[in-house]
Structures are given as C-alpha cells and as structure tokens.
All heavy atoms as atom14 arrays in JSON, in Angstrom:
{
  "sequence": "RPAVIPRGIWPNTGFPSANAVCLAESVLYGFNGKRGPVRPQGGNDPAS",
  "atom14_mask": [
    [1, 1, 1, 1, 1, 1, 1, 1, 1, 1, 1, 0, 0, 0],
    [1, 1, 1, 1, 1, 1, 1, 0, 0, 0, 0, 0, 0, 0],
    [1, 1, 1, 1, 1, 0, 0, 0, 0, 0, 0, 0, 0, 0],
    [1, 1, 1, 1, 1, 1, 1, 0, 0, 0, 0, 0, 0, 0],
    [1, 1, 1, 1, 1, 1, 1, 1, 0, 0, 0, 0, 0, 0],
    [1, 1, 1, 1, 1, 1, 1, 0, 0, 0, 0, 0, 0, 0],
    [1, 1, 1, 1, 1, 1, 1, 1, 1, 1, 1, 0, 0, 0],
    [1, 1, 1, 1, 0, 0, 0, 0, 0, 0, 0, 0, 0, 0],
    [1, 1, 1, 1, 1, 1, 1, 1, 0, 0, 0, 0, 0, 0],
    [1, 1, 1, 1, 1, 1, 1, 1, 1, 1, 1, 1, 1, 1],
    [1, 1, 1, 1, 1, 1, 1, 0, 0, 0, 0, 0, 0, 0],
    [1, 1, 1, 1, 1, 1, 1, 1, 0, 0, 0, 0, 0, 0],
    [1, 1, 1, 1, 1, 1, 1, 0, 0, 0, 0, 0, 0, 0],
    [1, 1, 1, 1, 0, 0, 0, 0, 0, 0, 0, 0, 0, 0],
    [1, 1, 1, 1, 1, 1, 1, 1, 1, 1, 1, 0, 0, 0],
    [1, 1, 1, 1, 1, 1, 1, 0, 0, 0, 0, 0, 0, 0],
    [1, 1, 1, 1, 1, 1, 0, 0, 0, 0, 0, 0, 0, 0],
    [1, 1, 1, 1, 1, 0, 0, 0, 0, 0, 0, 0, 0, 0],
    [1, 1, 1, 1, 1, 1, 1, 1, 0, 0, 0, 0, 0, 0],
    [1, 1, 1, 1, 1, 0, 0, 0, 0, 0, 0, 0, 0, 0],
    [1, 1, 1, 1, 1, 1, 1, 0, 0, 0, 0, 0, 0, 0],
    [1, 1, 1, 1, 1, 1, 0, 0, 0, 0, 0, 0, 0, 0],
    [1, 1, 1, 1, 1, 1, 1, 1, 0, 0, 0, 0, 0, 0],
    [1, 1, 1, 1, 1, 0, 0, 0, 0, 0, 0, 0, 0, 0],
    [1, 1, 1, 1, 1, 1, 1, 1, 1, 0, 0, 0, 0, 0],
    [1, 1, 1, 1, 1, 1, 0, 0, 0, 0, 0, 0, 0, 0],
    [1, 1, 1, 1, 1, 1, 1, 0, 0, 0, 0, 0, 0, 0],
    [1, 1, 1, 1, 1, 1, 1, 1, 0, 0, 0, 0, 0, 0],
    [1, 1, 1, 1, 1, 1, 1, 1, 1, 1, 1, 1, 0, 0],
    [1, 1, 1, 1, 0, 0, 0, 0, 0, 0, 0, 0, 0, 0],
    [1, 1, 1, 1, 1, 1, 1, 1, 1, 1, 1, 0, 0, 0],
    [1, 1, 1, 1, 1, 1, 1, 1, 0, 0, 0, 0, 0, 0],
    [1, 1, 1, 1, 0, 0, 0, 0, 0, 0, 0, 0, 0, 0],
    [1, 1, 1, 1, 1, 1, 1, 1, 1, 0, 0, 0, 0, 0],
    [1, 1, 1, 1, 1, 1, 1, 1, 1, 1, 1, 0, 0, 0],
    [1, 1, 1, 1, 0, 0, 0, 0, 0, 0, 0, 0, 0, 0],
    [1, 1, 1, 1, 1, 1, 1, 0, 0, 0, 0, 0, 0, 0],
    [1, 1, 1, 1, 1, 1, 1, 0, 0, 0, 0, 0, 0, 0],
    [1, 1, 1, 1, 1, 1, 1, 1, 1, 1, 1, 0, 0, 0],
    [1, 1, 1, 1, 1, 1, 1, 0, 0, 0, 0, 0, 0, 0],
    [1, 1, 1, 1, 1, 1, 1, 1, 1, 0, 0, 0, 0, 0],
    [1, 1, 1, 1, 0, 0, 0, 0, 0, 0, 0, 0, 0, 0],
    [1, 1, 1, 1, 0, 0, 0, 0, 0, 0, 0, 0, 0, 0],
    [1, 1, 1, 1, 1, 1, 1, 1, 0, 0, 0, 0, 0, 0],
    [1, 1, 1, 1, 1, 1, 1, 1, 0, 0, 0, 0, 0, 0],
    [1, 1, 1, 1, 1, 1, 1, 0, 0, 0, 0, 0, 0, 0],
    [1, 1, 1, 1, 1, 0, 0, 0, 0, 0, 0, 0, 0, 0],
    [1, 1, 1, 1, 1, 1, 0, 0, 0, 0, 0, 0, 0, 0]
  ],
  "atom14_positions": [
    [[0.86, -1.18, 0.0], [0.0, 0.0, 0.0], [0.89, 1.21, 0.0], [1.71, 1.34, 0.9], [-0.9, 0.0, 1.23], [-1.81, -1.19, 1.25], [-3.22, -0.72, 1.57], [-4.11, -1.86, 1.7], [-4.9, -2.27, 0.73], [-4.91, -1.65, -0.4], [-5.69, -3.28, 0.91], [0.0, 0.0, 0.0], [0.0, 0.0, 0.0], [0.0, 0.0, 0.0]],
    [[0.83, 2.08, -0.96], [-0.01, 2.0, -2.15], [0.45, 0.9, -3.09], [1.62, 0.51, -3.08], [0.15, 3.38, -2.79], [1.5, 3.84, -2.36], [1.72, 3.25, -0.99], [0.0, 0.0, 0.0], [0.0, 0.0, 0.0], [0.0, 0.0, 0.0], [0.0, 0.0, 0.0], [0.0, 0.0, 0.0], [0.0, 0.0, 0.0], [0.0, 0.0, 0.0]],
    [[-0.47, 0.43, -3.93], [-0.18, -0.68, -4.84], [0.83, -0.29, -5.91], [1.66, -1.09, -6.32], [-1.46, -1.18, -5.5], [0.0, 0.0, 0.0], [0.0, 0.0, 0.0], [0.0, 0.0, 0.0], [0.0, 0.0, 0.0], [0.0, 0.0, 0.0], [0.0, 0.0, 0.0], [0.0, 0.0, 0.0], [0.0, 0.0, 0.0], [0.0, 0.0, 0.0]],
    [[0.75, 0.93, -6.39], [1.69, 1.42, -7.4], [2.23, 2.78, -6.96], [1.6, 3.49, -6.18], [1.05, 1.55, -8.81], [0.61, 0.2, -9.32], [-0.07, 2.56, -8.82], [0.0, 0.0, 0.0], [0.0, 0.0, 0.0], [0.0, 0.0, 0.0], [0.0, 0.0, 0.0], [0.0, 0.0, 0.0], [0.0, 0.0, 0.0], [0.0, 0.0, 0.0]],
    [[3.4, 3.1, -7.49], [4.01, 4.39, -7.2], [4.34, 5.05, -8.53], [5.23, 4.58, -9.25], [5.29, 4.23, -6.36], [4.97, 3.5, -5.05], [5.94, 5.58, -6.1], [6.19, 3.01, -4.31], [0.0, 0.0, 0.0], [0.0, 0.0, 0.0], [0.0, 0.0, 0.0], [0.0, 0.0, 0.0], [0.0, 0.0, 0.0], [0.0, 0.0, 0.0]],
    [[3.6, 6.12, -8.92], [3.94, 6.83, -10.14], [5.15, 7.74, -9.89], [5.33, 8.26, -8.8], [2.7, 7.66, -10.45], [1.81, 7.56, -9.27], [2.39, 6.6, -8.31], [0.0, 0.0, 0.0], [0.0, 0.0, 0.0], [0.0, 0.0, 0.0], [0.0, 0.0, 0.0], [0.0, 0.0, 0.0], [0.0, 0.0, 0.0], [0.0, 0.0, 0.0]],
    [[6.0, 7.87, -10.92], [7.14, 8.77, -10.77], [7.51, 9.35, -12.13], [7.39, 8.7, -13.16], [8.32, 8.08, -10.12], [8.97, 6.99, -10.95], [10.13, 6.36, -10.19], [10.86, 5.42, -10.99], [12.01, 5.68, -11.6], [12.57, 6.85, -11.48], [12.62, 4.76, -12.31], [0.0, 0.0, 0.0], [0.0, 0.0, 0.0], [0.0, 0.0, 0.0]],
    [[7.95, 10.59, -12.1], [8.44, 11.23, -13.31], [9.83, 10.71, -13.63], [10.66, 10.55, -12.74], [0.0, 0.0, 0.0], [0.0, 0.0, 0.0], [0.0, 0.0, 0.0], [0.0, 0.0, 0.0], [0.0, 0.0, 0.0], [0.0, 0.0, 0.0], [0.0, 0.0, 0.0], [0.0, 0.0, 0.0], [0.0, 0.0, 0.0], [0.0, 0.0, 0.0]],
    [[10.07, 10.42, -14.89], [11.4, 9.95, -15.3], [12.11, 11.05, -16.07], [13.17, 11.5, -15.68], [11.29, 8.66, -16.15], [10.64, 7.56, -15.33], [12.66, 8.24, -16.66], [10.33, 6.31, -16.09], [0.0, 0.0, 0.0], [0.0, 0.0, 0.0], [0.0, 0.0, 0.0], [0.0, 0.0, 0.0], [0.0, 0.0, 0.0], [0.0, 0.0, 0.0]],
    [[11.5, 11.47, -17.19], [12.02, 12.58, -17.98], [10.94, 13.64, -18.03], [10.08, 13.61, -18.91], [12.38, 12.14, -19.38], [13.46, 11.1, -19.49], [14.38, 10.76, -18.54], [13.76, 10.29, -20.62], [15.2, 9.77, -19.01], [14.84, 9.47, -20.29], [13.19, 10.18, -21.88], [15.39, 8.55, -21.17], [13.73, 9.26, -22.76], [14.82, 8.47, -22.41]],
    [[10.92, 14.62, -17.13], [9.83, 15.59, -17.09], [9.78, 16.52, -18.29], [8.74, 17.13, -18.53], [10.09, 16.36, -15.8], [11.53, 16.13, -15.48], [11.9, 14.81, -16.07], [0.0, 0.0, 0.0], [0.0, 0.0, 0.0], [0.0, 0.0, 0.0], [0.0, 0.0, 0.0], [0.0, 0.0, 0.0], [0.0, 0.0, 0.0], [0.0, 0.0, 0.0]],
    [[10.86, 16.61, -19.06], [10.89, 17.54, -20.2], [11.17, 16.86, -21.54], [11.49, 17.53, -22.51], [11.93, 18.63, -19.96], [11.63, 19.42, -18.71], [10.51, 19.85, -18.51], [12.62, 19.59, -17.86], [0.0, 0.0, 0.0], [0.0, 0.0, 0.0], [0.0, 0.0, 0.0], [0.0, 0.0, 0.0], [0.0, 0.0, 0.0], [0.0, 0.0, 0.0]],
    [[11.1, 15.56, -21.58], [11.35, 14.83, -22.82], [10.23, 13.82, -23.02], [10.11, 12.87, -22.25], [12.71, 14.11, -22.79], [13.73, 15.08, -22.55], [12.98, 13.4, -24.11], [0.0, 0.0, 0.0], [0.0, 0.0, 0.0], [0.0, 0.0, 0.0], [0.0, 0.0, 0.0], [0.0, 0.0, 0.0], [0.0, 0.0, 0.0], [0.0, 0.0, 0.0]],
    [[9.42, 14.04, -24.06], [8.3, 13.15, -24.35], [8.36, 12.65, -25.77], [9.37, 12.81, -26.47], [0.0, 0.0, 0.0], [0.0, 0.0, 0.0], [0.0, 0.0, 0.0], [0.0, 0.0, 0.0], [0.0, 0.0, 0.0], [0.0, 0.0, 0.0], [0.0, 0.0, 0.0], [0.0, 0.0, 0.0], [0.0, 0.0, 0.0], [0.0, 0.0, 0.0]],
    [[7.25, 12.06, -26.21], [7.2, 11.43, -27.52], [5.88, 11.77, -28.19], [4.85, 11.86, -27.54], [7.36, 9.92, -27.36], [8.63, 9.56, -26.66], [8.65, 9.35, -25.29], [9.82, 9.5, -27.34], [9.82, 9.06, -24.62], [11.01, 9.22, -26.69], [11.01, 8.99, -25.32], [0.0, 0.0, 0.0], [0.0, 0.0, 0.0], [0.0, 0.0, 0.0]],
    [[5.88, 11.94, -29.53], [4.67, 12.34, -30.23], [3.6, 11.26, -30.3], [2.43, 11.55, -30.52], [5.16, 12.71, -31.62], [6.43, 11.95, -31.79], [7.03, 11.83, -30.42], [0.0, 0.0, 0.0], [0.0, 0.0, 0.0], [0.0, 0.0, 0.0], [0.0, 0.0, 0.0], [0.0, 0.0, 0.0], [0.0, 0.0, 0.0], [0.0, 0.0, 0.0]],
    [[4.0, 9.99, -30.11], [3.03, 8.89, -30.14], [3.63, 7.68, -29.46], [4.85, 7.61, -29.25], [2.65, 8.54, -31.59], [3.69, 7.8, -32.2], [0.0, 0.0, 0.0], [0.0, 0.0, 0.0], [0.0, 0.0, 0.0], [0.0, 0.0, 0.0], [0.0, 0.0, 0.0], [0.0, 0.0, 0.0], [0.0, 0.0, 0.0], [0.0, 0.0, 0.0]],
    [[2.79, 6.72, -29.14], [3.27, 5.48, -28.54], [4.1, 4.67, -29.55], [4.92, 3.85, -29.15], [2.11, 4.64, -28.03], [0.0, 0.0, 0.0], [0.0, 0.0, 0.0], [0.0, 0.0, 0.0], [0.0, 0.0, 0.0], [0.0, 0.0, 0.0], [0.0, 0.0, 0.0], [0.0, 0.0, 0.0], [0.0, 0.0, 0.0], [0.0, 0.0, 0.0]],
    [[3.92, 4.91, -30.85], [4.7, 4.22, -31.88], [6.14, 4.69, -31.92], [6.99, 4.04, -32.53], [4.08, 4.42, -33.26], [2.85, 3.6, -33.46], [2.73, 2.51, -32.92], [1.92, 4.11, -34.24], [0.0, 0.0, 0.0], [0.0, 0.0, 0.0], [0.0, 0.0, 0.0], [0.0, 0.0, 0.0], [0.0, 0.0, 0.0], [0.0, 0.0, 0.0]],
    [[6.45, 5.82, -31.29], [7.79, 6.39, -31.33], [8.68, 5.85, -30.22], [9.74, 6.4, -29.95], [7.71, 7.91, -31.25], [0.0, 0.0, 0.0], [0.0, 0.0, 0.0], [0.0, 0.0, 0.0], [0.0, 0.0, 0.0], [0.0, 0.0, 0.0], [0.0, 0.0, 0.0], [0.0, 0.0, 0.0], [0.0, 0.0, 0.0], [0.0, 0.0, 0.0]],
    [[8.26, 4.76, -29.56], [8.99, 4.2, -28.43], [8.99, 2.68, -28.5], [8.01, 2.08, -28.95], [8.32, 4.64, -27.1], [8.98, 4.0, -25.91], [8.33, 6.14, -26.97], [0.0, 0.0, 0.0], [0.0, 0.0, 0.0], [0.0, 0.0, 0.0], [0.0, 0.0, 0.0], [0.0, 0.0, 0.0], [0.0, 0.0, 0.0], [0.0, 0.0, 0.0]],
    [[10.08, 2.06, -28.08], [10.11, 0.6, -27.93], [11.05, 0.24, -26.79], [11.87, 1.05, -26.36], [10.54, -0.08, -29.23], [12.31, 0.01, -29.57], [0.0, 0.0, 0.0], [0.0, 0.0, 0.0], [0.0, 0.0, 0.0], [0.0, 0.0, 0.0], [0.0, 0.0, 0.0], [0.0, 0.0, 0.0], [0.0, 0.0, 0.0], [0.0, 0.0, 0.0]],
    [[10.92, -0.99, -26.32], [11.87, -1.54, -25.35], [12.76, -2.53, -26.07], [12.28, -3.41, -26.78], [11.13, -2.27, -24.23], [10.63, -1.44, -23.07], [9.91, -2.33, -22.06], [11.73, -0.68, -22.39], [0.0, 0.0, 0.0], [0.0, 0.0, 0.0], [0.0, 0.0, 0.0], [0.0, 0.0, 0.0], [0.0, 0.0, 0.0], [0.0, 0.0, 0.0]],
    [[14.06, -2.39, -25.87], [15.04, -3.35, -26.36], [15.65, -3.98, -25.12], [16.42, -3.32, -24.41], [16.1, -2.67, -27.21], [0.0, 0.0, 0.0], [0.0, 0.0, 0.0], [0.0, 0.0, 0.0], [0.0, 0.0, 0.0], [0.0, 0.0, 0.0], [0.0, 0.0, 0.0], [0.0, 0.0, 0.0], [0.0, 0.0, 0.0], [0.0, 0.0, 0.0]],
    [[15.27, -5.23, -24.84], [15.54, -5.87, -23.56], [14.86, -4.99, -22.51], [13.67, -4.84, -22.55], [17.04, -6.06, -23.33], [17.74, -6.81, -24.45], [17.14, -8.16, -24.8], [16.65, -8.85, -23.89], [17.17, -8.53, -25.97], [0.0, 0.0, 0.0], [0.0, 0.0, 0.0], [0.0, 0.0, 0.0], [0.0, 0.0, 0.0], [0.0, 0.0, 0.0]],
    [[15.59, -4.34, -21.62], [14.94, -3.47, -20.65], [15.31, -2.0, -20.87], [15.09, -1.17, -20.0], [15.29, -3.9, -19.23], [16.69, -3.86, -19.05], [0.0, 0.0, 0.0], [0.0, 0.0, 0.0], [0.0, 0.0, 0.0], [0.0, 0.0, 0.0], [0.0, 0.0, 0.0], [0.0, 0.0, 0.0], [0.0, 0.0, 0.0], [0.0, 0.0, 0.0]],
    [[15.88, -1.67, -22.03], [16.28, -0.29, -22.34], [15.25, 0.34, -23.26], [14.89, -0.22, -24.3], [17.68, -0.25, -23.01], [18.08, 1.17, -23.36], [18.72, -0.9, -22.11], [0.0, 0.0, 0.0], [0.0, 0.0, 0.0], [0.0, 0.0, 0.0], [0.0, 0.0, 0.0], [0.0, 0.0, 0.0], [0.0, 0.0, 0.0], [0.0, 0.0, 0.0]],
    [[14.8, 1.52, -22.88], [13.82, 2.25, -23.68], [14.54, 3.04, -24.77], [15.54, 3.71, -24.5], [13.04, 3.23, -22.79], [11.97, 3.99, -23.53], [10.61, 3.4, -23.21], [12.0, 5.44, -23.14], [0.0, 0.0, 0.0], [0.0, 0.0, 0.0], [0.0, 0.0, 0.0], [0.0, 0.0, 0.0], [0.0, 0.0, 0.0], [0.0, 0.0, 0.0]],
    [[14.06, 2.92, -26.0], [14.55, 3.72, -27.13], [13.35, 4.46, -27.69], [12.24, 3.92, -27.74], [15.14, 2.83, -28.22], [16.49, 2.25, -27.88], [16.6, 1.11, -27.11], [17.65, 2.86, -28.34], [17.84, 0.58, -26.78], [18.9, 2.34, -28.02], [18.98, 1.19, -27.25], [20.21, 0.68, -26.93], [0.0, 0.0, 0.0], [0.0, 0.0, 0.0]],
    [[13.57, 5.71, -28.12], [12.47, 6.47, -28.68], [12.95, 7.56, -29.6], [14.16, 7.76, -29.79], [0.0, 0.0, 0.0], [0.0, 0.0, 0.0], [0.0, 0.0, 0.0], [0.0, 0.0, 0.0], [0.0, 0.0, 0.0], [0.0, 0.0, 0.0], [0.0, 0.0, 0.0], [0.0, 0.0, 0.0], [0.0, 0.0, 0.0], [0.0, 0.0, 0.0]],
    [[11.98, 8.27, -30.18], [12.28, 9.4, -31.06], [11.54, 10.61, -30.52], [10.32, 10.63, -30.44], [11.85, 9.12, -32.5], [12.31, 10.16, -33.46], [13.58, 10.09, -34.02], [11.51, 11.24, -33.79], [14.03, 11.06, -34.9], [11.94, 12.21, -34.68], [13.21, 12.13, -35.23], [0.0, 0.0, 0.0], [0.0, 0.0, 0.0], [0.0, 0.0, 0.0]],
    [[12.31, 11.63, -30.12], [11.77, 12.88, -29.6], [11.91, 13.95, -30.67], [12.94, 14.02, -31.34], [12.55, 13.27, -28.33], [12.19, 14.63, -27.8], [12.8, 15.61, -28.2], [11.21, 14.68, -26.93], [0.0, 0.0, 0.0], [0.0, 0.0, 0.0], [0.0, 0.0, 0.0], [0.0, 0.0, 0.0], [0.0, 0.0, 0.0], [0.0, 0.0, 0.0]],
    [[10.88, 14.79, -30.82], [10.88, 15.8, -31.87], [12.02, 16.79, -31.82], [12.47, 17.28, -32.85], [0.0, 0.0, 0.0], [0.0, 0.0, 0.0], [0.0, 0.0, 0.0], [0.0, 0.0, 0.0], [0.0, 0.0, 0.0], [0.0, 0.0, 0.0], [0.0, 0.0, 0.0], [0.0, 0.0, 0.0], [0.0, 0.0, 0.0], [0.0, 0.0, 0.0]],
    [[12.54, 17.1, -30.64], [13.63, 18.07, -30.51], [15.0, 17.42, -30.43], [15.98, 17.99, -30.87], [13.41, 18.94, -29.27], [12.19, 19.81, -29.36], [11.98, 20.6, -28.11], [10.7, 21.4, -28.26], [10.15, 21.79, -26.99], [0.0, 0.0, 0.0], [0.0, 0.0, 0.0], [0.0, 0.0, 0.0], [0.0, 0.0, 0.0], [0.0, 0.0, 0.0]],
    [[15.06, 16.22, -29.87], [16.35, 15.57, -29.63], [16.67, 14.46, -30.61], [17.78, 13.95, -30.63], [16.38, 15.03, -28.22], [16.17, 16.11, -27.17], [16.16, 15.5, -25.82], [17.55, 15.17, -25.48], [18.06, 15.35, -24.29], [17.33, 15.83, -23.34], [19.3, 15.03, -24.04], [0.0, 0.0, 0.0], [0.0, 0.0, 0.0], [0.0, 0.0, 0.0]],
    [[15.7, 14.0, -31.38], [15.91, 12.86, -32.27], [15.87, 11.56, -31.49], [15.11, 11.43, -30.54], [0.0, 0.0, 0.0], [0.0, 0.0, 0.0], [0.0, 0.0, 0.0], [0.0, 0.0, 0.0], [0.0, 0.0, 0.0], [0.0, 0.0, 0.0], [0.0, 0.0, 0.0], [0.0, 0.0, 0.0], [0.0, 0.0, 0.0], [0.0, 0.0, 0.0]],
    [[16.74, 10.59, -31.85], [16.76, 9.32, -31.12], [17.24, 9.54, -29.68], [18.23, 10.25, -29.47], [17.77, 8.46, -31.88], [18.04, 9.16, -33.16], [17.68, 10.59, -32.96], [0.0, 0.0, 0.0], [0.0, 0.0, 0.0], [0.0, 0.0, 0.0], [0.0, 0.0, 0.0], [0.0, 0.0, 0.0], [0.0, 0.0, 0.0], [0.0, 0.0, 0.0]],
    [[16.54, 8.95, -28.73], [16.92, 9.07, -27.32], [16.85, 7.7, -26.64], [16.12, 6.82, -27.07], [16.04, 10.07, -26.54], [16.25, 11.49, -27.02], [14.59, 9.69, -26.59], [0.0, 0.0, 0.0], [0.0, 0.0, 0.0], [0.0, 0.0, 0.0], [0.0, 0.0, 0.0], [0.0, 0.0, 0.0], [0.0, 0.0, 0.0], [0.0, 0.0, 0.0]],
    [[17.62, 7.57, -25.57], [17.62, 6.4, -24.7], [18.16, 6.87, -23.34], [18.79, 7.91, -23.26], [18.47, 5.27, -25.27], [19.94, 5.63, -25.3], [20.79, 4.53, -25.86], [22.2, 4.95, -25.86], [23.16, 4.31, -26.45], [22.9, 3.2, -27.12], [24.39, 4.75, -26.4], [0.0, 0.0, 0.0], [0.0, 0.0, 0.0], [0.0, 0.0, 0.0]],
    [[17.94, 6.1, -22.28], [18.5, 6.49, -20.98], [20.01, 6.29, -20.97], [20.54, 5.42, -21.66], [17.85, 5.54, -19.99], [16.84, 4.77, -20.73], [17.08, 4.94, -22.18], [0.0, 0.0, 0.0], [0.0, 0.0, 0.0], [0.0, 0.0, 0.0], [0.0, 0.0, 0.0], [0.0, 0.0, 0.0], [0.0, 0.0, 0.0], [0.0, 0.0, 0.0]],
    [[20.68, 7.12, -20.16], [22.12, 6.97, -20.02], [22.51, 7.49, -18.65], [21.91, 8.44, -18.15], [22.86, 7.74, -21.1], [24.35, 7.49, -21.1], [25.0, 8.02, -22.34], [24.51, 7.81, -23.44], [26.11, 8.69, -22.18], [0.0, 0.0, 0.0], [0.0, 0.0, 0.0], [0.0, 0.0, 0.0], [0.0, 0.0, 0.0], [0.0, 0.0, 0.0]],
    [[23.51, 6.91, -18.07], [23.97, 7.36, -16.75], [22.87, 7.24, -15.73], [22.36, 6.17, -15.48], [0.0, 0.0, 0.0], [0.0, 0.0, 0.0], [0.0, 0.0, 0.0], [0.0, 0.0, 0.0], [0.0, 0.0, 0.0], [0.0, 0.0, 0.0], [0.0, 0.0, 0.0], [0.0, 0.0, 0.0], [0.0, 0.0, 0.0], [0.0, 0.0, 0.0]],
    [[22.47, 8.35, -15.14], [21.43, 8.37, -14.12], [20.04, 8.34, -14.71], [19.13, 8.95, -14.18], [0.0, 0.0, 0.0], [0.0, 0.0, 0.0], [0.0, 0.0, 0.0], [0.0, 0.0, 0.0], [0.0, 0.0, 0.0], [0.0, 0.0, 0.0], [0.0, 0.0, 0.0], [0.0, 0.0, 0.0], [0.0, 0.0, 0.0], [0.0, 0.0, 0.0]],
    [[19.87, 7.67, -15.84], [18.6, 7.55, -16.56], [18.17, 8.83, -17.25], [17.03, 8.96, -17.67], [17.48, 7.03, -15.65], [17.57, 5.54, -15.47], [18.11, 4.84, -16.33], [17.06, 5.04, -14.37], [0.0, 0.0, 0.0], [0.0, 0.0, 0.0], [0.0, 0.0, 0.0], [0.0, 0.0, 0.0], [0.0, 0.0, 0.0], [0.0, 0.0, 0.0]],
    [[19.05, 9.83, -17.34], [18.72, 11.03, -18.11], [18.65, 10.67, -19.58], [19.32, 9.75, -20.04], [19.79, 12.11, -17.9], [19.77, 12.66, -16.48], [18.69, 12.65, -15.88], [20.83, 13.1, -16.0], [0.0, 0.0, 0.0], [0.0, 0.0, 0.0], [0.0, 0.0, 0.0], [0.0, 0.0, 0.0], [0.0, 0.0, 0.0], [0.0, 0.0, 0.0]],
    [[17.84, 11.41, -20.36], [17.76, 11.11, -21.79], [19.07, 11.47, -22.5], [19.62, 12.54, -22.29], [16.61, 11.97, -22.29], [16.5, 13.08, -21.3], [16.97, 12.53, -19.99], [0.0, 0.0, 0.0], [0.0, 0.0, 0.0], [0.0, 0.0, 0.0], [0.0, 0.0, 0.0], [0.0, 0.0, 0.0], [0.0, 0.0, 0.0], [0.0, 0.0, 0.0]],
    [[19.57, 10.55, -23.3], [20.81, 10.77, -24.04], [20.51, 10.64, -25.53], [19.8, 9.73, -25.95], [21.86, 9.75, -23.63], [0.0, 0.0, 0.0], [0.0, 0.0, 0.0], [0.0, 0.0, 0.0], [0.0, 0.0, 0.0], [0.0, 0.0, 0.0], [0.0, 0.0, 0.0], [0.0, 0.0, 0.0], [0.0, 0.0, 0.0], [0.0, 0.0, 0.0]],
    [[21.05, 11.56, -26.3], [20.85, 11.51, -27.75], [22.16, 11.5, -28.52], [22.15, 11.46, -29.74], [19.98, 12.69, -28.2], [20.55, 13.91, -27.78], [0.0, 0.0, 0.0], [0.0, 0.0, 0.0], [0.0, 0.0, 0.0], [0.0, 0.0, 0.0], [0.0, 0.0, 0.0], [0.0, 0.0, 0.0], [0.0, 0.0, 0.0], [0.0, 0.0, 0.0]]
  ]
}
C-alpha cells in the first residue's frame, strides 16, 4: 500500500506517439521531436 508508485522519469522529454517508443531488452529507445533518437544513459537522463 499504495499498490503502485507513479514517478516522473524525464519531465521535459516526451514522444509524439506510442509508436515512437520501444523496449530493447529493458532499455527504452524512442524518437523525440527536438532531440531525435533518445535512450537512458547514466542516471537515466535522456541521451541523444
């Protein structure tokens, strides 16, 4: 309790659609309109 805990990961980096994101093993890859291809790096910050 609580059953789930929501948390912000990248508060300023999003995606135009759910099709612009995939998981490769457990790593998220996506395409952001301003940054291009992105994935987590280091402390999970978006890296392009």
